[in-house]
Amino acid sequence: EDHIMRESGKGWFYWDYAYGIKADYTTSAGRQYQTWNFFYTLINNTNVIIGKENDWESSPLTNAVLGQAYAIRAYAYYFLVQFFQQAYVEGSDKPGVPLYTEPTTKETQGKARGKVSDVYTLMNNDIDKAVTYLGKAKDEKWSREHESYIDYYVANGIKARIALAQGTDYSRARDGAVEALKKSGLTVLPVADFLGWNKKLSANSLWSLEVIASQSENFRGFFSHMDADAAGMYAGKARRLIASGLYDLIPNTDERKIQWWRAPMDEADEESGNSMVSYCQLKFRFSNPTTRTGDYLIMRAEEMLLIAAEAECRLQQFDKARGYLKQLEEKRDSNYATRLAALTNAVTYSDNTLDKPKTLLEEILFQRRVELWGEFPRVFDLKRLQLGFDREYTGSNHTEVLAMEPADIDFVYPIPQAEFDGNINMKDSDQNPM
């Protein structure tokens, strides 16, 4: 809805943007298989570690290792159940994904699809164990050696994400987010201080992945697909744009507008070497285009503030919700106090996603769209909020114009054919609607 692929050709994700990848489920090169295989590989690896739980003596290190394993397993199922089924609110009894809690081999008999509610039960149990183990490790003075490790605060952030997606216990979402925000030294940064989103040691980062020159993915990496100014990379020929409908809702006093290119040109000025077009993203850039490096920020303080704000709003603790919003927006918009004061305390939101926010909840949801653009799947929010979208509006800059109804079947990936071919407990009738 908010993230546009302007060209195909060099744009590996153009047909994802066009919702035209359904048929890819039959091949191992398709998005469905790649997603399924990636997260189930993580799950199997963590199951190997968790299987040793009763064999190890308690120590700061074993607590940290087990805590991270449980957190990663919860994190993997969090993505799988959202990619391969509608949101929890649409039906907790709907088929979820197969649940594995022990290591598998080629001799293992595959599992049937569990219910969505079963997947969330496992995720919640896993992340609670992760928080407990990593809390013990923290108290025993264990500290992570690298920003890519999951610690107590990151585990609480994952807990908050899961609870927000489930939407049945907002106090749990709030508690996870608030605990994550207690990390020493963590702070909200002005956008200008970390524009590029590529530094693992940013003071607002809870969890990040470092990319070093010898392991750079070069033209295959994330920044190659995002940074249109980097010579020889895909983004220069397949530009990533913000949707004009969302951009126009952002006040001119909001400094986040510098994250997208706006100039008189609507087409690339090829003669000057400028690969930018109007609305082109500037948020994600290589930190070093020569070595093709730039770190990946996976979780930030700003997201936790927004989760805490939404949770408090849902719990009708409106003053607290406003307080969390203010912590974020005072670093974003010089006129935010005026905007915040004009909002009505309400837990309602419009089904027109191009409406200007009028209620507090609408404002929080709008801020998620702006702050987390390109980082967090907007489709996950659309699904849990039971919203659709329409790309055909006056002034739209979408290159693929379509409309999606709430709980549209195209919001859900088909299960890869390889799972049916290798799992006797998966029947043809278990496939998601096409």
Protein backbone atom coordinates (compact mmCIF):
# COMPACT_ATOMS: atom_id res chain seq x y z
CA GLU A 1 0.00 0.00 0.00
CA ASP A 2 2.72 2.47 0.99
CA HIS A 3 5.85 1.07 -0.68
CA ILE A 4 6.04 1.29 -4.48
CA MET A 5 8.26 -0.58 -6.93
CA ARG A 6 8.46 1.86 -9.80
CA GLU A 7 9.98 -0.50 -12.39
CA SER A 8 10.12 -4.24 -12.99
CA GLY A 9 13.12 -5.62 -14.89
CA LYS A 10 15.81 -5.18 -12.22
CA GLY A 11 13.16 -5.15 -9.49
CA TRP A 12 13.24 -8.60 -7.94
CA PHE A 13 10.17 -7.78 -5.86
CA TYR A 14 8.03 -6.06 -8.48
CA TRP A 15 5.55 -8.92 -8.75
CA ASP A 16 5.30 -9.12 -4.96
CA TYR A 17 4.27 -5.47 -5.10
CA ALA A 18 1.80 -6.33 -7.90
CA TYR A 19 0.41 -9.30 -5.92
CA GLY A 20 1.30 -11.49 -8.87
CA ILE A 21 3.37 -14.28 -7.30
CA LYS A 22 0.70 -16.88 -6.46
CA ALA A 23 1.91 -19.33 -9.11
CA ASP A 24 5.45 -19.27 -7.68
CA TYR A 25 4.49 -21.76 -4.96
CA THR A 26 5.33 -24.65 -7.29
CA THR A 27 9.05 -23.86 -7.49
CA SER A 28 11.85 -23.74 -4.95
CA ALA A 29 12.88 -20.39 -6.43
CA GLY A 30 9.54 -18.85 -5.49
CA ARG A 31 8.89 -16.45 -2.62
CA GLN A 32 6.70 -18.97 -0.81
CA TYR A 33 9.30 -21.74 -0.71
CA GLN A 34 12.12 -19.36 0.17
CA THR A 35 10.11 -17.93 3.08
CA TRP A 36 8.92 -21.34 4.31
CA ASN A 37 12.37 -22.91 4.04
CA PHE A 38 14.19 -20.01 5.73
CA PHE A 39 12.01 -19.89 8.83
CA TYR A 40 11.68 -23.67 9.20
CA THR A 41 15.46 -23.94 8.96
CA LEU A 42 15.71 -21.51 11.86
CA ILE A 43 13.12 -23.55 13.75
CA ASN A 44 14.98 -26.81 13.22
CA ASN A 45 18.28 -25.29 14.31
CA THR A 46 16.71 -23.90 17.48
CA ASN A 47 15.04 -27.25 18.17
CA VAL A 48 18.48 -28.87 18.24
CA ILE A 49 19.56 -26.42 20.95
CA ILE A 50 16.32 -26.62 22.92
CA GLY A 51 16.62 -30.39 22.84
CA LYS A 52 19.71 -30.06 25.07
CA GLU A 53 17.85 -28.00 27.67
CA ASN A 54 17.78 -30.74 30.31
CA ASP A 55 21.36 -31.83 29.62
CA TRP A 56 23.07 -28.55 30.47
CA GLU A 57 23.88 -27.15 33.85
CA SER A 58 22.53 -23.68 34.49
CA SER A 59 25.04 -20.89 33.85
CA PRO A 60 24.95 -17.38 32.42
CA LEU A 61 26.02 -18.78 29.03
CA THR A 62 23.56 -21.69 28.87
CA ASN A 63 20.75 -19.40 29.99
CA ALA A 64 21.68 -16.95 27.23
CA VAL A 65 21.90 -19.68 24.58
CA LEU A 66 18.59 -21.29 25.52
CA GLY A 67 16.89 -17.91 25.79
CA GLN A 68 18.03 -16.96 22.31
CA ALA A 69 16.92 -20.32 20.89
CA TYR A 70 13.40 -19.93 22.30
CA ALA A 71 13.25 -16.32 21.08
CA ILE A 72 14.31 -17.23 17.54
CA ARG A 73 11.77 -20.07 17.38
CA ALA A 74 9.01 -17.69 18.46
CA TYR A 75 10.26 -15.10 15.96
CA ALA A 76 10.18 -17.65 13.11
CA TYR A 77 6.65 -18.83 13.83
CA TYR A 78 5.57 -15.18 14.15
CA PHE A 79 6.43 -14.62 10.49
CA LEU A 80 5.21 -17.98 9.21
CA VAL A 81 1.73 -17.73 10.71
CA GLN A 82 1.29 -14.20 9.35
CA PHE A 83 2.56 -14.93 5.84
CA PHE A 84 0.64 -18.18 5.45
CA GLN A 85 -2.69 -17.30 7.12
CA GLN A 86 -4.96 -14.38 7.86
CA ALA A 87 -4.66 -12.55 11.16
CA TYR A 88 -5.65 -14.02 14.52
CA VAL A 89 -8.67 -11.72 14.61
CA GLU A 90 -10.01 -13.31 11.41
CA GLY A 91 -10.25 -16.72 13.06
CA SER A 92 -8.05 -18.38 15.65
CA ASP A 93 -9.43 -21.79 14.61
CA LYS A 94 -8.24 -21.44 11.01
CA PRO A 95 -5.39 -23.71 9.86
CA GLY A 96 -2.03 -22.28 10.87
CA VAL A 97 1.30 -23.89 10.03
CA PRO A 98 2.84 -27.23 11.07
CA LEU A 99 4.39 -27.03 14.54
CA TYR A 100 7.74 -28.66 15.24
CA THR A 101 9.31 -28.60 18.68
CA GLU A 102 11.92 -31.31 18.10
CA PRO A 103 14.71 -31.59 15.51
CA THR A 104 13.74 -33.20 12.22
CA THR A 105 15.65 -35.37 9.75
CA LYS A 106 14.76 -36.76 6.34
CA GLU A 107 13.13 -39.71 8.15
CA THR A 108 10.83 -37.49 10.25
CA GLN A 109 7.14 -37.75 9.45
CA GLY A 110 5.77 -34.34 8.70
CA LYS A 111 3.15 -32.60 10.81
CA ALA A 112 -0.30 -31.43 9.80
CA ARG A 113 -1.29 -27.78 9.95
CA GLY A 114 -1.95 -26.66 13.50
CA LYS A 115 -4.62 -24.09 14.30
CA VAL A 116 -3.67 -20.42 14.34
CA SER A 117 -4.41 -20.45 18.08
CA ASP A 118 -1.96 -23.34 18.55
CA VAL A 119 0.78 -21.37 16.82
CA TYR A 120 0.21 -18.35 19.06
CA THR A 121 0.16 -20.56 22.16
CA LEU A 122 3.56 -21.95 21.22
CA MET A 123 4.93 -18.49 20.38
CA ASN A 124 3.77 -17.03 23.68
CA ASN A 125 5.18 -19.95 25.68
CA ASP A 126 8.47 -19.74 23.79
CA ILE A 127 8.94 -16.02 24.21
CA ASP A 128 8.05 -16.22 27.90
CA LYS A 129 10.76 -18.86 28.34
CA ALA A 130 13.15 -16.68 26.37
CA VAL A 131 12.47 -13.67 28.59
CA THR A 132 12.96 -15.83 31.72
CA TYR A 133 16.24 -17.36 30.55
CA LEU A 134 17.66 -14.10 29.24
CA GLY A 135 16.51 -12.30 32.38
CA LYS A 136 18.51 -14.79 34.44
CA ALA A 137 21.51 -14.33 32.15
CA LYS A 138 21.25 -10.55 32.52
CA ASP A 139 21.05 -10.80 36.30
CA GLU A 140 24.11 -13.05 36.22
CA LYS A 141 25.99 -10.29 34.34
CA TRP A 142 25.93 -11.94 30.92
CA SER A 143 26.00 -9.35 28.16
CA ARG A 144 25.86 -10.02 24.47
CA GLU A 145 29.12 -9.93 22.52
CA HIS A 146 27.51 -8.52 19.41
CA GLU A 147 24.45 -6.51 18.43
CA SER A 148 23.12 -9.46 16.40
CA TYR A 149 22.59 -11.50 19.58
CA ILE A 150 19.18 -11.49 21.20
CA ASP A 151 19.26 -10.25 24.77
CA TYR A 152 16.59 -9.73 27.43
CA TYR A 153 15.44 -6.44 25.90
CA VAL A 154 15.14 -7.78 22.35
CA ALA A 155 13.18 -10.79 23.64
CA ASN A 156 10.73 -8.41 25.28
CA GLY A 157 10.45 -6.55 21.98
CA ILE A 158 9.55 -9.80 20.22
CA LYS A 159 7.02 -10.49 22.98
CA ALA A 160 5.45 -7.09 22.30
CA ARG A 161 5.26 -7.75 18.55
CA ILE A 162 3.56 -11.13 19.06
CA ALA A 163 1.02 -9.75 21.52
CA LEU A 164 0.19 -6.83 19.22
CA ALA A 165 -0.36 -9.22 16.30
CA GLN A 166 -2.61 -11.47 18.39
CA GLY A 167 -4.63 -8.52 19.66
CA THR A 168 -6.19 -10.24 22.68
CA ASP A 169 -4.02 -8.92 25.53
CA TYR A 170 -2.77 -5.39 25.03
CA SER A 171 -1.34 -5.21 28.54
CA ARG A 172 1.08 -7.94 27.45
CA ALA A 173 2.08 -5.92 24.37
CA ARG A 174 2.58 -2.83 26.54
CA ASP A 175 4.63 -4.68 29.16
CA GLY A 176 6.96 -6.18 26.56
CA ALA A 177 7.53 -2.85 24.83
CA VAL A 178 8.07 -0.93 28.07
CA GLU A 179 10.57 -3.52 29.29
CA ALA A 180 12.46 -3.37 25.99
CA LEU A 181 12.71 0.40 26.36
CA LYS A 182 14.55 -0.01 29.67
CA LYS A 183 17.75 -0.99 27.85
CA SER A 184 20.57 1.23 29.10
CA GLY A 185 21.51 3.99 26.68
CA LEU A 186 18.58 3.36 24.35
CA THR A 187 17.04 6.57 23.05
CA VAL A 188 14.99 8.03 20.21
CA LEU A 189 17.16 9.76 17.64
CA PRO A 190 16.31 12.62 15.30
CA VAL A 191 16.07 11.26 11.76
CA ALA A 192 18.97 13.40 10.56
CA ASP A 193 21.26 11.67 13.08
CA PHE A 194 20.89 8.24 11.55
CA LEU A 195 19.55 8.78 8.04
CA GLY A 196 20.65 5.78 6.01
CA TRP A 197 19.44 3.29 8.61
CA ASN A 198 22.72 1.44 8.33
CA LYS A 199 24.65 1.68 11.63
CA LYS A 200 24.45 -1.21 14.09
CA LEU A 201 25.61 0.99 16.96
CA SER A 202 22.87 3.61 16.53
CA ALA A 203 21.67 4.66 19.97
CA ASN A 204 18.07 3.84 18.99
CA SER A 205 18.84 0.27 17.88
CA LEU A 206 17.82 -2.71 20.00
CA TRP A 207 18.80 -5.42 17.53
CA SER A 208 20.86 -5.19 14.36
CA LEU A 209 22.88 -7.31 11.95
CA GLU A 210 26.35 -6.21 10.93
CA VAL A 211 27.40 -6.52 7.28
CA ILE A 212 31.16 -6.64 6.80
CA ALA A 213 32.97 -6.17 3.51
CA SER A 214 34.14 -9.77 3.15
CA GLN A 215 30.56 -11.01 3.54
CA SER A 216 28.76 -8.27 1.66
CA GLU A 217 25.96 -9.56 -0.54
CA ASN A 218 26.91 -6.96 -3.16
CA PHE A 219 24.07 -6.58 -5.67
CA ARG A 220 21.90 -9.16 -3.86
CA GLY A 221 21.75 -7.29 -0.55
CA PHE A 222 18.98 -5.15 0.91
CA PHE A 223 20.64 -1.82 0.21
CA SER A 224 21.29 -2.80 -3.40
CA HIS A 225 17.54 -2.95 -3.82
CA MET A 226 16.92 0.29 -1.92
CA ASP A 227 19.75 2.78 -2.55
CA ALA A 228 19.12 4.32 -5.99
CA ASP A 229 22.31 6.41 -5.79
CA ALA A 230 24.66 3.42 -5.51
CA ALA A 231 26.29 2.78 -8.88
CA GLY A 232 25.67 -0.61 -10.43
CA MET A 233 23.04 -1.71 -7.92
CA TYR A 234 19.50 -2.79 -8.71
CA ALA A 235 17.78 0.19 -7.07
CA GLY A 236 19.09 2.61 -9.71
CA LYS A 237 16.96 0.82 -12.30
CA ALA A 238 14.11 -0.27 -10.02
CA ARG A 239 13.37 2.66 -7.75
CA ARG A 240 11.58 2.33 -4.39
CA LEU A 241 9.02 5.07 -3.76
CA ILE A 242 6.70 6.11 -0.98
CA ALA A 243 3.05 6.23 -2.05
CA SER A 244 2.00 9.81 -2.67
CA GLY A 245 -1.17 9.28 -0.62
CA LEU A 246 0.85 8.55 2.51
CA TYR A 247 3.50 11.19 1.76
CA ASP A 248 0.85 13.89 1.41
CA LEU A 249 -0.52 13.05 4.87
CA ILE A 250 2.86 13.79 6.48
CA PRO A 251 2.96 17.39 7.75
CA ASN A 252 5.63 19.65 6.27
CA THR A 253 6.93 20.26 9.80
CA ASP A 254 7.76 16.54 10.14
CA GLU A 255 11.49 16.00 9.54
CA ARG A 256 10.86 12.47 8.23
CA LYS A 257 9.95 14.00 4.89
CA ILE A 258 13.68 14.19 4.15
CA GLN A 259 13.62 10.40 3.81
CA TRP A 260 12.06 10.70 0.36
CA TRP A 261 13.30 12.64 -2.66
CA ARG A 262 11.09 15.49 -3.81
CA ALA A 263 12.14 17.63 -6.73
CA PRO A 264 10.53 19.14 -9.85
CA MET A 265 11.63 16.14 -11.91
CA ASP A 266 9.24 13.25 -12.33
CA GLU A 267 11.62 11.24 -14.46
CA ALA A 268 15.25 10.39 -13.85
CA ASP A 269 17.67 13.07 -14.97
CA GLU A 270 19.95 10.58 -16.68
CA GLU A 271 22.30 13.19 -18.16
CA SER A 272 23.31 14.46 -14.73
CA GLY A 273 23.70 10.92 -13.42
CA ASN A 274 20.84 11.41 -10.97
CA SER A 275 18.88 8.19 -10.65
CA MET A 276 16.30 9.69 -8.31
CA VAL A 277 12.69 10.22 -9.25
CA SER A 278 10.02 12.01 -7.31
CA TYR A 279 9.08 10.21 -4.05
CA CYS A 280 12.19 7.99 -4.29
CA GLN A 281 13.31 6.69 -0.91
CA LEU A 282 16.44 8.05 0.81
CA LYS A 283 15.84 6.27 4.11
CA PHE A 284 17.97 3.18 3.46
CA ARG A 285 21.46 3.79 2.06
CA PHE A 286 24.75 1.96 1.92
CA SER A 287 27.08 3.19 4.66
CA ASN A 288 29.92 2.46 2.23
CA PRO A 289 28.86 2.06 -1.42
CA THR A 290 32.39 0.99 -2.42
CA THR A 291 32.40 -2.08 -0.17
CA ARG A 292 28.61 -2.55 -0.50
CA THR A 293 28.19 -2.50 3.25
CA GLY A 294 25.53 -1.20 5.59
CA ASP A 295 24.10 -2.80 8.72
CA TYR A 296 20.51 -4.01 9.06
CA LEU A 297 18.47 -2.54 11.90
CA ILE A 298 15.93 -5.19 12.95
CA MET A 299 14.34 -3.54 15.99
CA ARG A 300 14.35 0.08 17.19
CA ALA A 301 13.27 2.06 20.22
CA GLU A 302 10.78 4.00 18.10
CA GLU A 303 8.80 0.85 17.28
CA MET A 304 8.56 -0.03 20.96
CA LEU A 305 7.19 3.44 21.77
CA LEU A 306 4.53 2.99 19.11
CA ILE A 307 3.56 -0.46 20.44
CA ALA A 308 3.33 0.94 23.98
CA ALA A 309 1.25 3.87 22.71
CA GLU A 310 -1.17 1.63 20.81
CA ALA A 311 -1.51 -0.80 23.71
CA GLU A 312 -2.28 1.98 26.19
CA CYS A 313 -4.76 3.52 23.77
CA ARG A 314 -6.52 0.16 23.33
CA LEU A 315 -6.66 -0.10 27.13
CA GLN A 316 -8.17 3.42 27.15
CA GLN A 317 -5.22 4.81 29.07
CA PHE A 318 -5.21 7.79 26.75
CA ASP A 319 -2.89 10.07 28.72
CA LYS A 320 -0.23 7.36 28.84
CA ALA A 321 -0.66 6.69 25.12
CA ARG A 322 -0.19 10.39 24.40
CA GLY A 323 2.92 10.39 26.55
CA TYR A 324 4.56 7.64 24.50
CA LEU A 325 3.62 9.36 21.25
CA LYS A 326 5.09 12.60 22.52
CA GLN A 327 8.41 10.90 23.36
CA LEU A 328 8.71 9.88 19.73
CA GLU A 329 7.20 12.81 17.91
CA GLU A 330 8.99 15.59 19.80
CA LYS A 331 12.04 14.31 17.88
CA ARG A 332 10.14 14.32 14.59
CA ASP A 333 7.70 17.23 14.28
CA SER A 334 8.21 20.72 15.70
CA ASN A 335 4.44 21.30 15.60
CA TYR A 336 3.44 17.99 17.13
CA ALA A 337 2.00 19.34 20.39
CA THR A 338 -0.66 21.18 18.40
CA ARG A 339 -1.50 18.12 16.35
CA LEU A 340 -1.63 15.85 19.38
CA ALA A 341 -3.98 18.22 21.24
CA ALA A 342 -6.48 18.14 18.36
CA LEU A 343 -6.94 14.36 18.46
CA THR A 344 -10.01 12.78 20.03
CA ASN A 345 -9.51 10.10 22.67
CA ALA A 346 -11.03 7.09 20.92
CA VAL A 347 -10.19 3.48 20.07
CA THR A 348 -11.76 3.73 16.63
CA TYR A 349 -10.20 4.15 13.20
CA SER A 350 -11.43 4.82 9.68
CA ASP A 351 -11.53 2.06 7.09
CA ASN A 352 -10.23 4.62 4.57
CA THR A 353 -6.46 4.50 4.99
CA LEU A 354 -6.07 7.86 3.22
CA ASP A 355 -8.13 9.75 5.80
CA LYS A 356 -6.33 12.31 7.91
CA PRO A 357 -6.09 11.04 11.52
CA LYS A 358 -8.76 12.40 13.85
CA THR A 359 -8.69 9.94 16.74
CA LEU A 360 -5.73 8.99 18.89
CA LEU A 361 -5.68 5.42 17.59
CA GLU A 362 -5.77 6.63 13.98
CA GLU A 363 -2.76 8.82 14.73
CA ILE A 364 -0.80 5.95 16.28
CA LEU A 365 -1.53 3.70 13.31
CA PHE A 366 -0.53 6.51 10.94
CA GLN A 367 2.72 7.01 12.80
CA ARG A 368 3.51 3.30 12.41
CA ARG A 369 3.15 3.68 8.65
CA VAL A 370 5.52 6.64 8.49
CA GLU A 371 8.08 5.63 11.11
CA LEU A 372 8.36 1.96 10.07
CA TRP A 373 8.13 2.46 6.30
CA GLY A 374 10.29 -0.16 4.59
CA GLU A 375 11.05 -1.93 7.90
CA PHE A 376 7.86 -3.59 9.12
CA PRO A 377 5.37 -5.34 6.81
CA ARG A 378 2.43 -2.97 6.38
CA VAL A 379 0.37 -5.98 5.28
CA PHE A 380 0.66 -7.45 8.80
CA ASP A 381 -1.03 -4.34 10.18
CA LEU A 382 -3.67 -4.33 7.45
CA LYS A 383 -4.54 -7.92 8.31
CA ARG A 384 -4.78 -7.47 12.09
CA LEU A 385 -6.75 -4.25 11.65
CA GLN A 386 -9.10 -5.90 9.10
CA LEU A 387 -8.38 -3.25 6.51
CA GLY A 388 -7.94 -3.28 2.76
CA PHE A 389 -6.56 -0.58 0.49
CA ASP A 390 -7.13 1.08 -2.87
CA ARG A 391 -4.21 2.33 -4.95
CA GLU A 392 -6.44 4.23 -7.38
CA TYR A 393 -6.90 7.72 -6.00
CA THR A 394 -6.37 11.24 -7.30
CA GLY A 395 -2.64 11.88 -7.56
CA SER A 396 -1.67 8.24 -7.02
CA ASN A 397 1.87 7.39 -8.16
CA HIS A 398 1.35 3.62 -8.01
CA THR A 399 2.64 1.72 -11.03
CA GLU A 400 0.34 -1.25 -10.37
CA VAL A 401 -3.16 0.00 -9.61
CA LEU A 402 -5.32 -2.45 -7.68
CA ALA A 403 -7.60 -2.66 -4.67
CA MET A 404 -7.58 -5.22 -1.86
CA GLU A 405 -10.52 -6.06 0.36
CA PRO A 406 -10.05 -6.80 4.07
CA ALA A 407 -8.87 -10.39 4.54
CA ASP A 408 -8.28 -10.66 0.79
CA ILE A 409 -7.00 -14.12 -0.16
CA ASP A 410 -4.03 -12.45 -1.86
CA PHE A 411 -2.80 -11.30 1.57
CA VAL A 412 -1.93 -14.97 2.25
CA TYR A 413 0.86 -16.97 0.60
CA PRO A 414 0.07 -20.38 -0.86
CA ILE A 415 1.99 -23.14 0.92
CA PRO A 416 4.89 -24.31 -1.26
CA GLN A 417 4.24 -27.45 -3.28
CA ALA A 418 7.42 -28.99 -1.88
CA GLU A 419 5.70 -29.27 1.52
CA PHE A 420 2.89 -31.34 0.02
CA ASP A 421 5.36 -33.47 -1.92
CA GLY A 422 7.36 -34.35 1.19
CA ASN A 423 4.77 -34.40 3.98
CA ILE A 424 2.19 -37.20 4.02
CA ASN A 425 0.11 -35.31 6.59
CA MET A 426 -0.45 -32.37 4.26
CA LYS A 427 -3.36 -32.99 1.91
CA ASP A 428 -4.30 -31.00 -1.18
CA SER A 429 -7.27 -29.65 0.79
CA ASP A 430 -4.79 -28.04 3.23
CA GLN A 431 -3.66 -25.56 0.58
CA ASN A 432 -4.57 -21.92 1.14
CA PRO A 433 -7.24 -20.41 -1.14
CA MET A 434 -5.90 -19.34 -4.53
